[in-house]
C-alpha cells in the first residue's frame, strides 16, 4: 500500500524539549561566564559534548 504524498506526516525536526534544552545550556553558560569568562564557554561546550556523546533518552 502506498501513501498519498499529500497525506505524509510532517513532524518537525525540532520540538519544544530541544528548544528548552538549548536555552538551558545557554543560561548555564551565561551564568558561568558571569563568574569567570572562559568558564562560560567550557561549561556550555561540556554540556553539549555530553549530549552529543551520550545522547538524549526520549
Protein backbone atom coordinates (compact mmCIF):
# COMPACT_ATOMS: atom_id res chain seq x y z
CA UNK A 1 0.00 0.00 0.00
CA UNK A 2 1.47 3.36 -0.97
CA UNK A 3 0.93 6.59 0.81
CA UNK A 4 -0.51 9.62 -0.84
CA UNK A 5 2.20 12.34 -0.96
CA UNK A 6 -0.36 14.88 0.20
CA UNK A 7 -1.02 13.00 3.46
CA UNK A 8 2.55 12.33 4.58
CA UNK A 9 3.47 13.01 8.18
CA UNK A 10 5.14 16.35 8.58
CA UNK A 11 6.67 16.16 12.01
CA UNK A 12 9.01 18.98 12.96
CA UNK A 13 12.67 18.05 13.29
CA UNK A 14 12.93 20.14 16.46
CA UNK A 15 10.41 20.22 19.30
CA UNK A 16 9.84 22.16 22.50
CA UNK A 17 12.15 19.94 24.53
CA UNK A 18 15.06 20.73 22.22
CA UNK A 19 14.42 24.46 22.41
CA UNK A 20 14.18 24.39 26.21
CA UNK A 21 17.39 22.36 26.38
CA UNK A 22 19.29 24.82 24.21
CA UNK A 23 18.01 27.76 26.24
CA UNK A 24 19.05 25.95 29.42
CA UNK A 25 22.56 25.34 28.10
CA UNK A 26 22.78 28.99 27.14
CA UNK A 27 21.71 30.12 30.59
CA UNK A 28 24.17 27.77 32.31
CA UNK A 29 26.93 29.06 30.07
CA UNK A 30 25.97 32.68 30.72
CA UNK A 31 25.83 32.15 34.46
CA UNK A 32 29.28 30.58 34.40
CA UNK A 33 30.54 33.42 32.21
CA UNK A 34 29.44 35.94 34.83
CA UNK A 35 31.71 34.25 37.37
CA UNK A 36 34.70 33.62 35.09
CA UNK A 37 34.55 34.34 31.36
CA UNK A 38 36.26 31.20 29.98
CA UNK A 39 34.15 29.02 32.29
CA UNK A 40 31.04 30.00 30.34
CA UNK A 41 32.41 28.54 27.13
CA UNK A 42 33.79 25.48 28.91
CA UNK A 43 30.52 24.74 30.68
CA UNK A 44 28.31 25.15 27.64
CA UNK A 45 30.73 23.14 25.50
CA UNK A 46 30.94 20.35 28.05
CA UNK A 47 27.15 20.08 28.32
CA UNK A 48 26.70 20.00 24.54
CA UNK A 49 29.54 17.50 24.12
CA UNK A 50 27.97 15.28 26.77
CA UNK A 51 24.64 15.35 24.98
CA UNK A 52 26.36 14.56 21.66
CA UNK A 53 28.32 11.66 23.13
CA UNK A 54 25.76 10.08 25.43
CA UNK A 55 22.61 11.14 23.61
CA UNK A 56 19.25 12.02 24.99
CA UNK A 57 16.70 9.45 26.06
CA UNK A 58 13.23 10.26 24.88
